C-alpha atoms as a PDB file:
ATOM      1  CA  MET A   1      23.231 -29.305 -70.041  1.00  0.00           C
ATOM      2  CA  LEU A   2      22.776 -32.888 -67.882  1.00  0.00           C
ATOM      3  CA  ARG A   3      25.627 -35.995 -68.620  1.00  0.00           C
ATOM      4  CA  THR A   4      25.000 -39.088 -67.740  1.00  0.00           C
ATOM      5  CA  MET A   5      27.834 -40.487 -65.447  1.00  0.00           C
ATOM      6  CA  LEU A   6      28.811 -43.579 -63.889  1.00  0.00           C
ATOM      7  CA  LYS A   7      28.357 -43.451 -60.313  1.00  0.00           C
ATOM      8  CA  SER A   8      29.140 -47.334 -59.100  1.00  0.00           C
ATOM      9  CA  LYS A   9      30.450 -50.225 -60.426  1.00  0.00           C
ATOM     10  CA  ILE A  10      30.521 -53.512 -58.780  1.00  0.00           C
ATOM     11  CA  HIS A  11      33.086 -55.248 -60.873  1.00  0.00           C
ATOM     12  CA  ARG A  12      33.557 -59.181 -61.276  1.00  0.00           C
ATOM     13  CA  VAL A  13      30.955 -60.885 -59.089  1.00  0.00           C
ATOM     14  CA  VAL A  14      30.105 -63.837 -59.370  1.00  0.00           C
ATOM     15  CA  LEU A  15      26.050 -65.077 -60.341  1.00  0.00           C
ATOM     16  CA  THR A  16      24.828 -67.656 -57.342  1.00  0.00           C
ATOM     17  CA  ASP A  17      21.535 -68.079 -58.607  1.00  0.00           C
ATOM     18  CA  CYS A  18      18.831 -67.701 -61.071  1.00  0.00           C
ATOM     19  CA  ASN A  19      14.983 -67.678 -60.051  1.00  0.00           C
ATOM     20  CA  LEU A  20      12.630 -67.664 -62.647  1.00  0.00           C
ATOM     21  CA  ASP A  21       9.113 -67.529 -60.335  1.00  0.00           C
ATOM     22  CA  TYR A  22      10.247 -64.431 -58.844  1.00  0.00           C
ATOM     23  CA  GLU A  23       8.974 -61.538 -59.442  1.00  0.00           C
ATOM     24  CA  GLY A  24      11.919 -59.275 -60.919  1.00  0.00           C
ATOM     25  CA  SER A  25      15.204 -57.918 -60.279  1.00  0.00           C
ATOM     26  CA  ILE A  26      18.391 -58.722 -58.732  1.00  0.00           C
ATOM     27  CA  ALA A  27      19.188 -59.194 -55.408  1.00  0.00           C
ATOM     28  CA  ILE A  28      22.379 -58.477 -54.112  1.00  0.00           C
ATOM     29  CA  ASP A  29      24.024 -58.742 -50.765  1.00  0.00           C
ATOM     30  CA  LYS A  30      23.870 -56.076 -48.737  1.00  0.00           C
ATOM     31  CA  ASP A  31      27.196 -55.583 -47.826  1.00  0.00           C
ATOM     32  CA  LEU A  32      27.884 -55.039 -51.960  1.00  0.00           C
ATOM     33  CA  LEU A  33      25.125 -52.206 -51.889  1.00  0.00           C
ATOM     34  CA  LEU A  34      26.379 -50.867 -49.083  1.00  0.00           C
ATOM     35  CA  ALA A  35      30.237 -50.576 -50.510  1.00  0.00           C
ATOM     36  CA  ALA A  36      28.529 -49.293 -53.892  1.00  0.00           C
ATOM     37  CA  ASP A  37      26.387 -46.683 -52.922  1.00  0.00           C
ATOM     38  CA  ILE A  38      23.526 -48.801 -54.444  1.00  0.00           C
ATOM     39  CA  LEU A  39      20.058 -48.451 -53.016  1.00  0.00           C
ATOM     40  CA  PRO A  40      17.236 -50.961 -52.820  1.00  0.00           C
ATOM     41  CA  GLY A  41      14.990 -50.002 -55.559  1.00  0.00           C
ATOM     42  CA  GLU A  42      17.620 -48.489 -57.593  1.00  0.00           C
ATOM     43  CA  GLN A  43      17.905 -49.007 -61.425  1.00  0.00           C
ATOM     44  CA  VAL A  44      21.477 -51.009 -62.053  1.00  0.00           C
ATOM     45  CA  GLN A  45      22.752 -52.206 -65.399  1.00  0.00           C
ATOM     46  CA  VAL A  46      23.889 -55.907 -65.358  1.00  0.00           C
ATOM     47  CA  LEU A  47      26.889 -56.913 -67.806  1.00  0.00           C
ATOM     48  CA  ASN A  48      26.957 -60.509 -68.360  1.00  0.00           C
ATOM     49  CA  ILE A  49      30.959 -61.113 -69.340  1.00  0.00           C
ATOM     50  CA  ASN A  50      30.319 -64.960 -70.287  1.00  0.00           C
ATOM     51  CA  ASN A  51      27.535 -64.537 -72.568  1.00  0.00           C
ATOM     52  CA  GLY A  52      27.656 -60.569 -73.273  1.00  0.00           C
ATOM     53  CA  SER A  53      24.084 -59.882 -72.416  1.00  0.00           C
ATOM     54  CA  ARG A  54      22.984 -56.694 -70.603  1.00  0.00           C
ATOM     55  CA  LEU A  55      19.720 -55.902 -68.726  1.00  0.00           C
ATOM     56  CA  ILE A  56      18.396 -52.861 -66.754  1.00  0.00           C
ATOM     57  CA  THR A  57      16.579 -54.104 -63.650  1.00  0.00           C
ATOM     58  CA  TYR A  58      16.465 -52.677 -60.284  1.00  0.00           C
ATOM     59  CA  ALA A  59      18.242 -53.809 -57.026  1.00  0.00           C
ATOM     60  CA  ILE A  60      16.890 -55.381 -53.901  1.00  0.00           C
ATOM     61  CA  GLU A  61      18.632 -56.315 -50.799  1.00  0.00           C
ATOM     62  CA  ALA A  62      20.129 -59.785 -50.415  1.00  0.00           C
ATOM     63  CA  PRO A  63      21.500 -61.023 -46.519  1.00  0.00           C
ATOM     64  CA  SER A  64      24.721 -59.330 -45.171  1.00  0.00           C
ATOM     65  CA  GLY A  65      27.386 -61.244 -45.550  1.00  0.00           C
ATOM     66  CA  SER A  66      25.659 -63.654 -47.717  1.00  0.00           C
ATOM     67  CA  GLY A  67      28.006 -63.049 -50.962  1.00  0.00           C
ATOM     68  CA  THR A  68      23.836 -63.833 -52.850  1.00  0.00           C
ATOM     69  CA  ILE A  69      24.201 -62.289 -56.606  1.00  0.00           C
ATOM     70  CA  MET A  70      20.892 -63.667 -57.909  1.00  0.00           C
ATOM     71  CA  LEU A  71      18.763 -62.819 -61.020  1.00  0.00           C
ATOM     72  CA  ASN A  72      14.793 -63.262 -60.876  1.00  0.00           C
ATOM     73  CA  GLY A  73      11.868 -63.056 -62.920  1.00  0.00           C
ATOM     74  CA  PRO A  74      12.884 -62.724 -66.401  1.00  0.00           C
ATOM     75  CA  ALA A  75      16.129 -61.367 -65.654  1.00  0.00           C
ATOM     76  CA  ALA A  76      17.136 -65.170 -64.762  1.00  0.00           C
ATOM     77  CA  ARG A  77      16.923 -65.620 -68.485  1.00  0.00           C
ATOM     78  CA  ALA A  78      20.045 -63.273 -68.881  1.00  0.00           C
ATOM     79  CA  GLY A  79      22.553 -65.861 -67.132  1.00  0.00           C
ATOM     80  CA  MET A  80      23.480 -68.896 -65.509  1.00  0.00           C
ATOM     81  CA  LYS A  81      24.727 -69.985 -62.086  1.00  0.00           C
ATOM     82  CA  GLY A  82      28.370 -69.101 -61.351  1.00  0.00           C
ATOM     83  CA  ASP A  83      28.351 -66.231 -64.737  1.00  0.00           C
ATOM     84  CA  ILE A  84      30.297 -63.327 -64.203  1.00  0.00           C
ATOM     85  CA  LEU A  85      28.449 -60.125 -63.910  1.00  0.00           C
ATOM     86  CA  VAL A  86      29.204 -56.561 -63.789  1.00  0.00           C
ATOM     87  CA  ILE A  87      26.794 -54.344 -62.339  1.00  0.00           C
ATOM     88  CA  ILE A  88      26.349 -50.479 -63.192  1.00  0.00           C
ATOM     89  CA  THR A  89      24.662 -47.708 -61.822  1.00  0.00           C
ATOM     90  CA  TYR A  90      24.909 -44.211 -63.123  1.00  0.00           C
ATOM     91  CA  CYS A  91      23.993 -40.392 -62.114  1.00  0.00           C
ATOM     92  CA  GLN A  92      23.129 -37.428 -63.650  1.00  0.00           C
ATOM     93  CA  MET A  93      25.344 -34.632 -63.514  1.00  0.00           C
ATOM     94  CA  GLN A  94      25.998 -30.791 -64.508  1.00  0.00           C
ATOM     95  CA  ASP A  95      29.192 -30.548 -66.319  1.00  0.00           C
ATOM     96  CA  ASN A  96      30.778 -28.200 -62.790  1.00  0.00           C
ATOM     97  CA  GLU A  97      29.630 -31.231 -60.699  1.00  0.00           C
ATOM     98  CA  ILE A  98      31.564 -33.628 -62.926  1.00  0.00           C
ATOM     99  CA  LYS A  99      35.061 -32.510 -61.926  1.00  0.00           C
ATOM    100  CA  ASN A 100      34.646 -33.669 -58.554  1.00  0.00           C
ATOM    101  CA  HIS A 101      32.909 -36.951 -59.145  1.00  0.00           C
ATOM    102  CA  ILE A 102      34.752 -40.474 -58.403  1.00  0.00           C
ATOM    103  CA  PRO A 103      32.248 -43.110 -58.834  1.00  0.00           C
ATOM    104  CA  ALA A 104      32.142 -45.891 -56.258  1.00  0.00           C
ATOM    105  CA  ILE A 105      34.095 -48.852 -57.632  1.00  0.00           C
ATOM    106  CA  VAL A 106      33.682 -52.181 -55.874  1.00  0.00           C
ATOM    107  CA  LYS A 107      36.271 -55.281 -56.623  1.00  0.00           C
ATOM    108  CA  VAL A 108      35.189 -58.591 -55.039  1.00  0.00           C
ATOM    109  CA  ASP A 109      37.169 -62.006 -54.634  1.00  0.00           C
ATOM    110  CA  SER A 110      35.721 -65.129 -55.475  1.00  0.00           C
ATOM    111  CA  GLN A 111      32.922 -65.426 -52.713  1.00  0.00           C
ATOM    112  CA  ASN A 112      31.712 -62.012 -53.718  1.00  0.00           C
ATOM    113  CA  LYS A 113      33.395 -60.326 -50.732  1.00  0.00           C
ATOM    114  CA  VAL A 114      34.662 -56.802 -50.683  1.00  0.00           C
ATOM    115  CA  ARG A 115      38.266 -57.124 -52.020  1.00  0.00           C
ATOM    116  CA  SER A 116      38.311 -53.614 -52.545  1.00  0.00           C
ATOM    117  CA  ALA A 117      36.102 -49.952 -52.363  1.00  0.00           C
ATOM    118  CA  GLN A 118      37.290 -46.554 -53.776  1.00  0.00           C
END
């Protein structure tokens, strides 16, 4: 049996911009992608703490060190600049893999810089 497990989480990032006219997705600072083991094009779930919305889209890489977290295309309607988000990925695992699995948890400061990563 496969179970869907938490793979990674970027916790409490600040939404820096929204661009309704872009094709879609969420742009995430490359440093955060690396710390959370998220690849460009990988499916992510975005939870907006301010308004309770949840959406599924894919990650695109924003410049390293920029602190960028930007909702694009239709996803731009799910938040406003300054909102606090949680970005999550999941993976499929067999029961025997789960006991050794440690999800990547990334916490950030107010500028979306990595404060801690496990």
